[in-house]
Amino acid sequence: MAALYDREALRTLLATRTLKRGDFLLVSGKRSRIYFNMKATMMTPEGAAQCARGLLSVLDGLDADYVAGLEMGAVPLLGGIAALSWDVGRPIGAVFVRKAAKAHGTSLMVEGLDDSGGESLQGKHVVLIDDVATSGGSILKAAEQIEAAGGIMKDAIVILDREQGADANLKERGITLHALFTATDLGVTEEDKKPLD
């Protein structure tokens, strides 16, 4: 699998399509000089393929029955991983966690399981996936619901670690963060990383 993953091609896409400089409000409420619009890479044919290949190359070294993440950032990645894992003969299921339960239908927080067929996360090893990690908050929100569903989590993988606390926050929860790239890998300086507030 690793031979199909072109790390330099993905790094170039991220540096040219994803990294933005200016004045941005982050989900955390902090203002930043840099912003990573990961969808601009993830939604291109080459970017989608390289992201899935890169994530699967890390998953190959981990114990994973399922991958999971919080809507919306993780959803395209989860679908790509599931499809590619099937193609390479190592199928890994995918589920996503809603930010809020739907008010109709099954009202589930964790979507993607065939609960009528008895499928569950109980006792299953679940690797958490996200596009970008800043503080790790989105990963931790997903972890709460996966744990409530019986999943076992030891690892999380992101395309990009902004190097702003996610690693330490996840470690406190017993989750190891793996990143395909760091902000430093894309040429972001320590000055760039300082909040504007």
C-alpha atoms as a PDB file:
ATOM      1  CA  MET A   1       0.000   0.000   0.000  1.00  0.00           C
ATOM      2  CA  ALA A   2       2.737   2.465   0.924  1.00  0.00           C
ATOM      3  CA  ALA A   3       4.167   2.292  -2.625  1.00  0.00           C
ATOM      4  CA  LEU A   4       0.959   3.877  -3.984  1.00  0.00           C
ATOM      5  CA  TYR A   5       1.159   6.776  -1.543  1.00  0.00           C
ATOM      6  CA  ASP A   6       3.074   9.728  -2.974  1.00  0.00           C
ATOM      7  CA  ARG A   7       3.826  11.816   0.121  1.00  0.00           C
ATOM      8  CA  GLU A   8       5.514  14.605  -1.816  1.00  0.00           C
ATOM      9  CA  ALA A   9       2.556  14.956  -4.197  1.00  0.00           C
ATOM     10  CA  LEU A  10       0.196  15.308  -1.228  1.00  0.00           C
ATOM     11  CA  ARG A  11       2.528  17.766   0.523  1.00  0.00           C
ATOM     12  CA  THR A  12       2.574  19.922  -2.620  1.00  0.00           C
ATOM     13  CA  LEU A  13      -1.224  19.885  -2.863  1.00  0.00           C
ATOM     14  CA  LEU A  14      -1.536  20.882   0.792  1.00  0.00           C
ATOM     15  CA  ALA A  15       1.022  23.672   0.471  1.00  0.00           C
ATOM     16  CA  THR A  16      -0.566  25.147  -2.655  1.00  0.00           C
ATOM     17  CA  ARG A  17      -4.308  24.460  -2.202  1.00  0.00           C
ATOM     18  CA  THR A  18      -4.866  24.176   1.544  1.00  0.00           C
ATOM     19  CA  LEU A  19      -2.552  26.557   3.426  1.00  0.00           C
ATOM     20  CA  LYS A  20      -3.961  30.085   3.579  1.00  0.00           C
ATOM     21  CA  ARG A  21      -2.423  33.153   5.214  1.00  0.00           C
ATOM     22  CA  GLY A  22      -4.371  36.111   6.606  1.00  0.00           C
ATOM     23  CA  ASP A  23      -6.618  36.665   9.639  1.00  0.00           C
ATOM     24  CA  PHE A  24      -8.909  33.716  10.393  1.00  0.00           C
ATOM     25  CA  LEU A  25     -11.321  32.756  13.167  1.00  0.00           C
ATOM     26  CA  LEU A  26     -10.809  29.121  14.202  1.00  0.00           C
ATOM     27  CA  VAL A  27     -13.398  26.721  15.663  1.00  0.00           C
ATOM     28  CA  SER A  28     -11.670  27.173  19.022  1.00  0.00           C
ATOM     29  CA  GLY A  29     -12.623  30.874  18.947  1.00  0.00           C
ATOM     30  CA  LYS A  30      -8.989  31.954  18.564  1.00  0.00           C
ATOM     31  CA  ARG A  31      -7.772  34.092  15.684  1.00  0.00           C
ATOM     32  CA  SER A  32      -4.933  32.783  13.561  1.00  0.00           C
ATOM     33  CA  ARG A  33      -2.514  34.010  10.877  1.00  0.00           C
ATOM     34  CA  ILE A  34      -2.886  30.681   9.076  1.00  0.00           C
ATOM     35  CA  TYR A  35      -5.796  28.511   8.039  1.00  0.00           C
ATOM     36  CA  PHE A  36      -5.855  25.088   6.452  1.00  0.00           C
ATOM     37  CA  ASN A  37      -8.803  24.709   4.071  1.00  0.00           C
ATOM     38  CA  MET A  38      -8.382  20.965   3.822  1.00  0.00           C
ATOM     39  CA  LYS A  39     -11.487  20.501   1.634  1.00  0.00           C
ATOM     40  CA  ALA A  40      -9.668  22.271  -1.223  1.00  0.00           C
ATOM     41  CA  THR A  41      -7.293  19.293  -1.317  1.00  0.00           C
ATOM     42  CA  MET A  42      -9.534  16.477  -0.071  1.00  0.00           C
ATOM     43  CA  MET A  43     -12.200  17.078  -2.713  1.00  0.00           C
ATOM     44  CA  THR A  44      -9.894  16.891  -5.747  1.00  0.00           C
ATOM     45  CA  PRO A  45      -9.448  13.485  -7.403  1.00  0.00           C
ATOM     46  CA  GLU A  46      -5.694  13.367  -6.710  1.00  0.00           C
ATOM     47  CA  GLY A  47      -6.070  14.796  -3.207  1.00  0.00           C
ATOM     48  CA  ALA A  48      -8.823  12.355  -2.244  1.00  0.00           C
ATOM     49  CA  ALA A  49      -6.756   9.418  -3.482  1.00  0.00           C
ATOM     50  CA  GLN A  50      -3.512  10.555  -1.835  1.00  0.00           C
ATOM     51  CA  CYS A  51      -5.246  11.324   1.490  1.00  0.00           C
ATOM     52  CA  ALA A  52      -6.850   7.860   1.554  1.00  0.00           C
ATOM     53  CA  ARG A  53      -3.575   6.191   0.598  1.00  0.00           C
ATOM     54  CA  GLY A  54      -1.618   8.126   3.217  1.00  0.00           C
ATOM     55  CA  LEU A  55      -4.113   7.375   5.971  1.00  0.00           C
ATOM     56  CA  LEU A  56      -4.259   3.704   4.998  1.00  0.00           C
ATOM     57  CA  SER A  57      -0.435   3.525   5.065  1.00  0.00           C
ATOM     58  CA  VAL A  58      -0.574   4.538   8.750  1.00  0.00           C
ATOM     59  CA  LEU A  59      -3.529   2.243   9.462  1.00  0.00           C
ATOM     60  CA  ASP A  60      -1.514  -0.707   8.135  1.00  0.00           C
ATOM     61  CA  GLY A  61       0.605  -0.504  11.297  1.00  0.00           C
ATOM     62  CA  LEU A  62      -2.331  -0.199  13.704  1.00  0.00           C
ATOM     63  CA  ASP A  63      -4.992  -2.515  15.083  1.00  0.00           C
ATOM     64  CA  ALA A  64      -8.185  -1.225  13.416  1.00  0.00           C
ATOM     65  CA  ASP A  65     -11.580  -2.829  12.907  1.00  0.00           C
ATOM     66  CA  TYR A  66     -13.175   0.532  12.100  1.00  0.00           C
ATOM     67  CA  VAL A  67     -12.261   4.138  11.424  1.00  0.00           C
ATOM     68  CA  ALA A  68     -14.447   6.924  12.790  1.00  0.00           C
ATOM     69  CA  GLY A  69     -14.589  10.685  12.951  1.00  0.00           C
ATOM     70  CA  LEU A  70     -16.794  13.680  13.580  1.00  0.00           C
ATOM     71  CA  GLU A  71     -18.906  15.102  10.771  1.00  0.00           C
ATOM     72  CA  MET A  72     -18.065  17.007   8.508  1.00  0.00           C
ATOM     73  CA  GLY A  73     -14.278  17.078   8.173  1.00  0.00           C
ATOM     74  CA  ALA A  74     -13.753  13.350   8.619  1.00  0.00           C
ATOM     75  CA  VAL A  75     -16.589  12.068   6.408  1.00  0.00           C
ATOM     76  CA  PRO A  76     -14.871  12.287   2.985  1.00  0.00           C
ATOM     77  CA  LEU A  77     -11.741  10.722   4.464  1.00  0.00           C
ATOM     78  CA  LEU A  78     -13.686   7.852   6.044  1.00  0.00           C
ATOM     79  CA  GLY A  79     -15.370   6.983   2.753  1.00  0.00           C
ATOM     80  CA  GLY A  80     -12.038   7.073   0.931  1.00  0.00           C
ATOM     81  CA  ILE A  81     -10.368   4.812   3.487  1.00  0.00           C
ATOM     82  CA  ALA A  82     -13.220   2.275   3.425  1.00  0.00           C
ATOM     83  CA  ALA A  83     -13.218   2.099  -0.390  1.00  0.00           C
ATOM     84  CA  LEU A  84      -9.445   1.838  -0.706  1.00  0.00           C
ATOM     85  CA  SER A  85      -9.185  -0.723   2.107  1.00  0.00           C
ATOM     86  CA  TRP A  86     -11.597  -2.934   0.159  1.00  0.00           C
ATOM     87  CA  ASP A  87      -9.566  -2.515  -3.040  1.00  0.00           C
ATOM     88  CA  VAL A  88      -6.332  -3.586  -1.349  1.00  0.00           C
ATOM     89  CA  GLY A  89      -7.895  -6.597   0.372  1.00  0.00           C
ATOM     90  CA  ARG A  90      -7.829  -5.305   3.952  1.00  0.00           C
ATOM     91  CA  PRO A  91     -11.383  -4.053   4.532  1.00  0.00           C
ATOM     92  CA  ILE A  92     -11.826  -1.569   7.377  1.00  0.00           C
ATOM     93  CA  GLY A  93     -15.335  -0.407   8.253  1.00  0.00           C
ATOM     94  CA  ALA A  94     -16.142   3.280   8.646  1.00  0.00           C
ATOM     95  CA  VAL A  95     -18.615   5.146  10.824  1.00  0.00           C
ATOM     96  CA  PHE A  96     -19.100   8.812  11.503  1.00  0.00           C
ATOM     97  CA  VAL A  97     -20.268  10.683  14.566  1.00  0.00           C
ATOM     98  CA  ARG A  98     -22.938  13.336  14.237  1.00  0.00           C
ATOM     99  CA  LYS A  99     -22.556  16.634  16.069  1.00  0.00           C
ATOM    100  CA  ALA A 100     -26.207  16.243  17.093  1.00  0.00           C
ATOM    101  CA  ALA A 101     -28.646  13.371  16.659  1.00  0.00           C
ATOM    102  CA  LYS A 102     -31.093  13.696  13.777  1.00  0.00           C
ATOM    103  CA  ALA A 103     -34.628  14.594  14.831  1.00  0.00           C
ATOM    104  CA  HIS A 104     -36.014  11.977  12.432  1.00  0.00           C
ATOM    105  CA  GLY A 105     -35.283   8.427  11.332  1.00  0.00           C
ATOM    106  CA  THR A 106     -33.177   6.415  13.739  1.00  0.00           C
ATOM    107  CA  SER A 107     -31.832   9.477  15.635  1.00  0.00           C
ATOM    108  CA  LEU A 108     -28.408   7.854  15.909  1.00  0.00           C
ATOM    109  CA  MET A 109     -25.249   9.700  16.911  1.00  0.00           C
ATOM    110  CA  VAL A 110     -22.975   7.080  15.309  1.00  0.00           C
ATOM    111  CA  GLU A 111     -23.901   6.377  11.682  1.00  0.00           C
ATOM    112  CA  GLY A 112     -22.762   3.597   9.376  1.00  0.00           C
ATOM    113  CA  LEU A 113     -23.563   0.419  11.305  1.00  0.00           C
ATOM    114  CA  ASP A 114     -26.280  -2.065  10.389  1.00  0.00           C
ATOM    115  CA  ASP A 115     -27.875  -2.189  13.828  1.00  0.00           C
ATOM    116  CA  SER A 116     -30.739  -4.346  12.525  1.00  0.00           C
ATOM    117  CA  GLY A 117     -28.110  -6.951  11.610  1.00  0.00           C
ATOM    118  CA  GLY A 118     -26.493  -6.792  15.058  1.00  0.00           C
ATOM    119  CA  GLU A 119     -23.428  -4.827  13.924  1.00  0.00           C
ATOM    120  CA  SER A 120     -21.902  -2.792  16.741  1.00  0.00           C
ATOM    121  CA  LEU A 121     -18.663  -1.225  17.893  1.00  0.00           C
ATOM    122  CA  GLN A 122     -18.702  -3.175  21.162  1.00  0.00           C
ATOM    123  CA  GLY A 123     -15.134  -4.372  21.788  1.00  0.00           C
ATOM    124  CA  LYS A 124     -13.966  -3.237  18.344  1.00  0.00           C
ATOM    125  CA  HIS A 125     -10.728  -1.316  17.809  1.00  0.00           C
ATOM    126  CA  VAL A 126     -11.594   2.063  16.333  1.00  0.00           C
ATOM    127  CA  VAL A 127      -9.025   4.498  14.945  1.00  0.00           C
ATOM    128  CA  LEU A 128     -10.184   8.102  14.979  1.00  0.00           C
ATOM    129  CA  ILE A 129      -9.701  10.144  11.796  1.00  0.00           C
ATOM    130  CA  ASP A 130      -9.822  13.884  11.153  1.00  0.00           C
ATOM    131  CA  ASP A 131      -8.536  16.253   8.504  1.00  0.00           C
ATOM    132  CA  VAL A 132      -6.823  18.783  10.800  1.00  0.00           C
ATOM    133  CA  ALA A 133      -5.925  18.688  14.504  1.00  0.00           C
ATOM    134  CA  THR A 134      -5.473  21.913  16.444  1.00  0.00           C
ATOM    135  CA  SER A 135      -6.469  21.223  20.056  1.00  0.00           C
ATOM    136  CA  GLY A 136      -7.894  17.781  19.276  1.00  0.00           C
ATOM    137  CA  GLY A 137     -11.415  18.842  20.277  1.00  0.00           C
ATOM    138  CA  SER A 138     -13.189  17.283  17.287  1.00  0.00           C
ATOM    139  CA  ILE A 139     -11.363  14.005  17.797  1.00  0.00           C
ATOM    140  CA  LEU A 140     -12.268  13.999  21.493  1.00  0.00           C
ATOM    141  CA  LYS A 141     -15.958  14.684  20.693  1.00  0.00           C
ATOM    142  CA  ALA A 142     -15.962  11.697  18.357  1.00  0.00           C
ATOM    143  CA  ALA A 143     -14.143   9.616  20.977  1.00  0.00           C
ATOM    144  CA  GLU A 144     -16.914  10.230  23.537  1.00  0.00           C
ATOM    145  CA  GLN A 145     -19.576   8.775  21.248  1.00  0.00           C
ATOM    146  CA  ILE A 146     -17.410   5.884  20.056  1.00  0.00           C
ATOM    147  CA  GLU A 147     -16.624   4.986  23.663  1.00  0.00           C
ATOM    148  CA  ALA A 148     -20.334   5.175  24.540  1.00  0.00           C
ATOM    149  CA  ALA A 149     -20.938   2.706  21.682  1.00  0.00           C
ATOM    150  CA  GLY A 150     -18.370   0.294  23.163  1.00  0.00           C
ATOM    151  CA  GLY A 151     -15.440   1.045  20.858  1.00  0.00           C
ATOM    152  CA  ILE A 152     -11.809   0.810  21.977  1.00  0.00           C
ATOM    153  CA  MET A 153      -9.614   3.721  20.895  1.00  0.00           C
ATOM    154  CA  LYS A 154      -5.843   3.969  21.154  1.00  0.00           C
ATOM    155  CA  ASP A 155      -4.968   5.925  18.013  1.00  0.00           C
ATOM    156  CA  ALA A 156      -6.023   8.905  15.910  1.00  0.00           C
ATOM    157  CA  ILE A 157      -4.722   9.913  12.490  1.00  0.00           C
ATOM    158  CA  VAL A 158      -4.964  13.318  10.839  1.00  0.00           C
ATOM    159  CA  ILE A 159      -3.795  14.665   7.525  1.00  0.00           C
ATOM    160  CA  LEU A 160      -2.356  17.716   9.290  1.00  0.00           C
ATOM    161  CA  ASP A 161      -1.341  18.479  12.867  1.00  0.00           C
ATOM    162  CA  ARG A 162      -1.231  22.257  13.416  1.00  0.00           C
ATOM    163  CA  GLU A 163       1.132  21.534  16.361  1.00  0.00           C
ATOM    164  CA  GLN A 164      -1.017  23.533  18.753  1.00  0.00           C
ATOM    165  CA  GLY A 165      -1.806  21.107  21.562  1.00  0.00           C
ATOM    166  CA  ALA A 166      -3.723  18.200  20.020  1.00  0.00           C
ATOM    167  CA  ASP A 167      -0.950  15.679  20.661  1.00  0.00           C
ATOM    168  CA  ALA A 168      -0.809  16.439  24.399  1.00  0.00           C
ATOM    169  CA  ASN A 169      -4.608  16.666  24.804  1.00  0.00           C
ATOM    170  CA  LEU A 170      -5.148  13.318  23.112  1.00  0.00           C
ATOM    171  CA  LYS A 171      -2.305  11.713  25.048  1.00  0.00           C
ATOM    172  CA  GLU A 172      -4.093  12.675  28.302  1.00  0.00           C
ATOM    173  CA  ARG A 173      -7.038  10.628  27.042  1.00  0.00           C
ATOM    174  CA  GLY A 174      -4.782   7.663  26.179  1.00  0.00           C
ATOM    175  CA  ILE A 175      -4.908   8.277  22.423  1.00  0.00           C
ATOM    176  CA  THR A 176      -1.753   8.515  20.294  1.00  0.00           C
ATOM    177  CA  LEU A 177      -1.900  11.090  17.509  1.00  0.00           C
ATOM    178  CA  HIS A 178      -0.376  10.181  14.139  1.00  0.00           C
ATOM    179  CA  ALA A 179      -0.126  12.877  11.456  1.00  0.00           C
ATOM    180  CA  LEU A 180       0.756  12.617   7.789  1.00  0.00           C
ATOM    181  CA  PHE A 181       2.089  16.186   8.013  1.00  0.00           C
ATOM    182  CA  THR A 182       2.689  18.904  10.544  1.00  0.00           C
ATOM    183  CA  ALA A 183       2.274  22.615   9.972  1.00  0.00           C
ATOM    184  CA  THR A 184       6.076  22.854  10.064  1.00  0.00           C
ATOM    185  CA  ASP A 185       6.263  20.372   7.161  1.00  0.00           C
ATOM    186  CA  LEU A 186       4.299  22.902   5.090  1.00  0.00           C
ATOM    187  CA  GLY A 187       6.587  25.812   5.902  1.00  0.00           C
ATOM    188  CA  VAL A 188       4.620  27.310   8.792  1.00  0.00           C
ATOM    189  CA  THR A 189       6.884  29.148  11.251  1.00  0.00           C
ATOM    190  CA  GLU A 190       6.604  29.490  15.026  1.00  0.00           C
ATOM    191  CA  GLU A 191       5.580  33.128  14.491  1.00  0.00           C
ATOM    192  CA  ASP A 192       2.780  31.961  12.154  1.00  0.00           C
ATOM    193  CA  LYS A 193       1.510  29.606  14.870  1.00  0.00           C
ATOM    194  CA  LYS A 194       1.067  32.347  17.480  1.00  0.00           C
ATOM    195  CA  PRO A 195      -2.585  33.385  17.947  1.00  0.00           C
ATOM    196  CA  LEU A 196      -3.537  36.883  16.837  1.00  0.00           C
ATOM    197  CA  ASP A 197      -5.592  37.526  20.018  1.00  0.00           C
END
